[in-house]
Amino acid sequence: MKFYYGGYFHPNGEVNFAGIQRMIQYSPTQRANIFRESWSMKGKIVQQGPNSQSLVLASLAAIRNAYSVNGYSAGFLDNNESQTPFWLNNANAIGGVIVTNPVSHGEMGGAETVTYLHYTFGLQMDSFISSPDTILAYSEQLSFSDNFGGPIMIERLPLSGMPIQQAVSTNSFFYATQTGSLTKRTPNPFPESPIFPAAFSGSADCNQVTYSSPKMERGVPLEYTVNWSYKFRSIVPLVGFPHERG
């Protein structure tokens, strides 16, 4: 088989696998998100003739130059010059196929570099598994802070004598706060809806939504996060529970 990277084609049989590693990156919600495939490659330059060493070194320089740039498809062609299943498609790669290990070699002595030279290099490709609407991370909290609608008491410190508590109202409001965070691949995802939409407190900060800049990989946005905070106030008890997503 013949191996290629971008427009550089190795001679037939020069390059082979030293190892392939495939792994799945899971999101905090344990959804399969990104598939990573890493190739460890090994090759052997072979030249013959009176100028074999010069040809070996020239081939090495050409190979180094070919793998000095990221962002090309790579793979094996069969004997009919057809694409085999062993293929890293740059068009599907997040930020392109990358060279993880530049062209390297061991000791240069004896016949090594005179008629042949062993070398290694590595390639890697990340691609999405999840759909844009997959919830990658989610968290929501609903907290209640009130006096169960009972009397409101305040502390009084008289000029002399013991401190006292004074009732200033026979009834009080019921309060709740809803906060949360959502992460998706979809740009600027919608925040969670308020649990008690008719009971917004009316304060200046009762409805807060915050969008974060996306997490990036080689210039490609991977995920977007939105945070929300809602404050509620009611004259009747507020009963509810956080949403369950993910």
Protein backbone atom coordinates (compact mmCIF):
# COMPACT_ATOMS: atom_id res chain seq x y z
CA MET A 1 0.00 0.00 0.00
CA LYS A 2 1.03 3.57 -0.61
CA PHE A 3 0.77 6.22 2.10
CA TYR A 4 0.14 9.90 1.43
CA TYR A 5 -0.22 13.14 3.37
CA GLY A 6 -1.73 16.01 1.43
CA GLY A 7 0.09 16.09 -1.90
CA TYR A 8 3.06 14.05 -0.72
CA PHE A 9 3.01 10.38 -1.71
CA HIS A 10 5.48 7.94 -0.20
CA PRO A 11 6.84 5.11 -2.35
CA ASN A 12 4.82 1.93 -2.18
CA GLY A 13 5.51 0.04 1.06
CA GLU A 14 7.72 2.73 2.61
CA VAL A 15 5.31 3.63 5.46
CA ASN A 16 3.32 1.41 7.82
CA PHE A 17 1.51 1.63 11.12
CA ALA A 18 3.41 1.43 14.38
CA GLY A 19 0.12 1.74 16.22
CA ILE A 20 -3.39 3.20 16.06
CA GLN A 21 -5.19 4.60 19.08
CA ARG A 22 -8.88 5.48 19.01
CA MET A 23 -10.71 7.07 21.92
CA ILE A 24 -14.00 8.82 22.68
CA GLN A 25 -14.17 11.98 24.76
CA TYR A 26 -17.33 12.12 26.86
CA SER A 27 -19.03 15.29 28.07
CA PRO A 28 -19.91 15.95 31.75
CA THR A 29 -23.35 14.48 30.97
CA GLN A 30 -21.52 11.34 29.72
CA ARG A 31 -22.56 11.90 26.12
CA ALA A 32 -20.13 10.75 23.43
CA ASN A 33 -18.84 14.08 22.13
CA ILE A 34 -15.53 13.87 20.25
CA PHE A 35 -13.82 10.94 18.54
CA ARG A 36 -10.01 11.11 18.50
CA GLU A 37 -7.89 8.92 16.25
CA SER A 38 -4.10 8.97 16.64
CA TRP A 39 -1.69 7.27 14.27
CA SER A 40 1.90 6.36 15.15
CA MET A 41 3.69 5.75 11.86
CA LYS A 42 7.03 4.22 10.93
CA GLY A 43 8.87 4.39 7.63
CA LYS A 44 12.05 3.31 5.92
CA ILE A 45 13.77 5.29 3.18
CA VAL A 46 15.66 3.02 0.80
CA GLN A 47 18.05 4.27 -1.89
CA GLN A 48 20.67 2.54 -4.02
CA GLY A 49 23.56 3.58 -6.22
CA PRO A 50 26.72 5.60 -5.79
CA ASN A 51 24.79 8.63 -4.50
CA SER A 52 22.53 6.66 -2.18
CA GLN A 53 23.40 8.66 0.94
CA SER A 54 22.65 11.96 -0.76
CA LEU A 55 19.35 10.54 -2.00
CA VAL A 56 18.46 9.27 1.50
CA LEU A 57 19.12 12.68 3.02
CA ALA A 58 17.22 14.44 0.24
CA SER A 59 14.24 12.12 0.80
CA LEU A 60 14.41 12.82 4.52
CA ALA A 61 14.36 16.58 3.89
CA ALA A 62 11.34 16.22 1.58
CA ILE A 63 9.46 14.13 4.15
CA ARG A 64 10.24 16.60 6.93
CA ASN A 65 8.95 19.42 4.75
CA ALA A 66 5.75 17.52 3.92
CA TYR A 67 4.94 16.97 7.60
CA SER A 68 5.89 20.48 8.72
CA VAL A 69 2.34 21.75 8.02
CA ASN A 70 -0.97 20.71 9.57
CA GLY A 71 -4.30 20.45 7.81
CA TYR A 72 -4.09 17.74 5.16
CA SER A 73 -5.87 14.44 4.61
CA ALA A 74 -3.79 11.31 5.05
CA GLY A 75 -4.19 7.62 4.42
CA PHE A 76 -3.32 4.49 2.49
CA LEU A 77 -4.08 3.73 -1.15
CA ASP A 78 -4.38 0.14 -2.29
CA ASN A 79 -2.63 -1.38 -5.30
CA ASN A 80 -5.31 0.10 -7.57
CA GLU A 81 -4.67 3.61 -6.21
CA SER A 82 -8.08 3.51 -4.47
CA GLN A 83 -8.71 4.95 -1.01
CA THR A 84 -8.60 2.35 1.75
CA PRO A 85 -10.61 2.52 5.02
CA PHE A 86 -7.41 3.76 6.70
CA TRP A 87 -8.04 7.42 6.03
CA LEU A 88 -7.99 10.68 7.99
CA ASN A 89 -10.34 13.06 6.21
CA ASN A 90 -9.24 16.63 6.84
CA ALA A 91 -12.68 17.95 5.84
CA ASN A 92 -14.25 16.19 8.84
CA ALA A 93 -11.50 17.05 11.31
CA ILE A 94 -11.95 19.66 14.03
CA GLY A 95 -9.33 22.23 13.12
CA GLY A 96 -7.84 19.85 10.57
CA VAL A 97 -5.57 16.82 10.79
CA ILE A 98 -2.47 17.65 12.86
CA VAL A 99 1.08 16.32 13.02
CA THR A 100 1.53 15.28 16.65
CA ASN A 101 5.06 13.90 16.27
CA PRO A 102 7.34 15.53 13.66
CA VAL A 103 9.48 13.27 11.51
CA SER A 104 12.13 11.74 13.77
CA HIS A 105 14.82 9.08 13.51
CA GLY A 106 17.39 7.30 15.64
CA GLU A 107 21.17 6.92 15.43
CA MET A 108 22.77 7.53 12.05
CA GLY A 109 25.64 5.06 11.73
CA GLY A 110 26.82 2.16 9.62
CA ALA A 111 24.49 1.46 6.73
CA GLU A 112 21.88 3.70 8.33
CA THR A 113 21.65 6.86 6.12
CA VAL A 114 23.99 5.30 3.54
CA THR A 115 21.42 3.11 1.82
CA TYR A 116 18.45 3.37 4.15
CA LEU A 117 17.03 5.30 7.10
CA HIS A 118 14.26 4.42 9.55
CA TYR A 119 11.99 7.26 10.70
CA THR A 120 8.76 7.84 12.62
CA PHE A 121 5.99 10.45 12.75
CA GLY A 122 2.49 10.84 14.21
CA LEU A 123 -0.86 12.17 13.02
CA GLN A 124 -4.09 12.93 14.86
CA MET A 125 -7.67 13.79 13.95
CA ASP A 126 -10.57 14.89 16.16
CA SER A 127 -14.15 14.75 14.89
CA PHE A 128 -17.58 15.35 16.40
CA ILE A 129 -19.82 12.49 17.45
CA SER A 130 -22.49 14.50 19.24
CA SER A 131 -25.20 16.42 17.43
CA PRO A 132 -25.34 20.24 17.79
CA ASP A 133 -28.34 19.95 20.12
CA THR A 134 -26.79 17.39 22.47
CA ILE A 135 -26.67 18.71 26.04
CA LEU A 136 -23.00 18.41 26.96
CA ALA A 137 -23.27 19.87 30.46
CA TYR A 138 -26.23 20.94 32.60
CA SER A 139 -26.77 22.10 36.15
CA GLU A 140 -29.66 23.91 37.83
CA GLN A 141 -30.44 24.88 41.42
CA LEU A 142 -33.72 26.10 42.92
CA SER A 143 -33.44 27.63 46.39
CA PHE A 144 -36.14 28.99 48.69
CA SER A 145 -35.56 31.77 51.23
CA ASP A 146 -38.62 32.96 53.09
CA ASN A 147 -40.39 32.96 56.43
CA PHE A 148 -43.10 30.55 55.26
CA GLY A 149 -45.38 33.57 54.93
CA GLY A 150 -45.29 34.19 58.66
CA PRO A 151 -44.80 37.44 60.56
CA ILE A 152 -41.72 39.54 59.91
CA MET A 153 -39.74 40.31 63.02
CA ILE A 154 -37.01 42.91 63.40
CA GLU A 155 -34.51 43.42 66.18
CA ARG A 156 -34.72 46.47 68.39
CA LEU A 157 -32.04 47.71 70.77
CA PRO A 158 -33.62 50.02 73.34
CA LEU A 159 -31.61 52.74 75.00
CA SER A 160 -31.71 50.65 78.16
CA GLY A 161 -32.93 47.18 78.98
CA MET A 162 -32.89 43.90 77.09
CA PRO A 163 -33.02 43.64 73.26
CA ILE A 164 -36.47 42.98 71.87
CA GLN A 165 -38.02 41.59 68.69
CA GLN A 166 -40.80 43.59 67.12
CA ALA A 167 -43.37 42.29 64.61
CA VAL A 168 -43.64 44.75 61.71
CA SER A 169 -45.89 42.64 59.49
CA THR A 170 -48.31 39.80 60.13
CA ASN A 171 -47.44 38.15 56.78
CA SER A 172 -44.39 37.96 54.52
CA PHE A 173 -43.54 37.12 50.92
CA PHE A 174 -42.36 33.77 49.62
CA TYR A 175 -39.00 33.97 47.80
CA ALA A 176 -37.19 31.62 45.39
CA THR A 177 -34.05 31.81 43.25
CA GLN A 178 -33.41 29.69 40.15
CA THR A 179 -29.85 29.47 38.79
CA GLY A 180 -28.26 27.18 36.25
CA SER A 181 -25.88 26.52 33.39
CA LEU A 182 -26.25 24.77 30.01
CA THR A 183 -23.60 23.78 27.45
CA LYS A 184 -24.23 22.73 23.84
CA ARG A 185 -22.45 22.78 20.49
CA THR A 186 -25.20 25.08 19.21
CA PRO A 187 -24.06 28.73 19.23
CA ASN A 188 -25.66 30.80 22.00
CA PRO A 189 -28.10 28.18 23.34
CA PHE A 190 -31.35 29.28 24.93
CA PRO A 191 -31.36 29.54 28.73
CA GLU A 192 -33.72 27.41 30.78
CA SER A 193 -37.23 28.82 31.15
CA PRO A 194 -38.27 30.27 34.54
CA ILE A 195 -40.05 27.82 36.82
CA PHE A 196 -42.38 30.53 38.20
CA PRO A 197 -42.79 32.96 35.27
CA ALA A 198 -45.66 34.85 36.90
CA ALA A 199 -43.73 35.51 40.09
CA PHE A 200 -40.67 37.53 39.00
CA SER A 201 -39.64 39.70 41.92
CA GLY A 202 -39.57 42.88 39.87
CA SER A 203 -36.10 43.86 41.10
CA ALA A 204 -33.55 45.22 38.64
CA ASP A 205 -31.62 41.93 38.65
CA CYS A 206 -34.53 39.49 38.78
CA ASN A 207 -33.76 38.14 35.30
CA GLN A 208 -30.08 37.62 34.42
CA VAL A 209 -28.74 35.67 31.42
CA THR A 210 -25.00 35.37 30.71
CA TYR A 211 -23.37 33.98 27.57
CA SER A 212 -19.76 32.78 27.70
CA SER A 213 -17.27 32.77 24.83
CA PRO A 214 -17.07 29.29 23.27
CA LYS A 215 -14.45 26.71 24.11
CA MET A 216 -12.13 26.58 21.09
CA GLU A 217 -9.83 24.01 19.50
CA ARG A 218 -7.48 25.26 16.77
CA GLY A 219 -9.89 28.06 15.88
CA VAL A 220 -13.01 25.87 15.86
CA PRO A 221 -15.72 26.45 18.52
CA LEU A 222 -16.43 23.21 20.37
CA GLU A 223 -19.11 24.22 22.84
CA TYR A 224 -21.14 27.21 24.01
CA THR A 225 -22.37 27.89 27.55
CA VAL A 226 -25.24 30.00 28.87
CA ASN A 227 -25.94 30.80 32.54
CA TRP A 228 -29.17 32.09 34.05
CA SER A 229 -30.44 33.49 37.34
CA TYR A 230 -34.09 34.25 38.12
CA LYS A 231 -35.48 35.75 41.33
CA PHE A 232 -39.10 35.20 42.35
CA ARG A 233 -41.43 36.71 44.95
CA SER A 234 -44.98 35.62 45.70
CA ILE A 235 -47.75 36.11 48.23
CA VAL A 236 -48.58 32.41 47.98
CA PRO A 237 -46.17 29.50 48.57
CA LEU A 238 -43.81 28.67 45.68
CA VAL A 239 -43.52 24.94 45.12
CA GLY A 240 -41.29 23.42 42.44
CA PHE A 241 -38.13 21.51 41.60
CA PRO A 242 -35.17 22.06 39.25
CA HIS A 243 -35.40 20.83 35.65
CA GLU A 244 -33.82 17.49 34.77
CA ARG A 245 -31.79 17.68 31.55
CA GLY A 246 -28.89 15.88 29.94
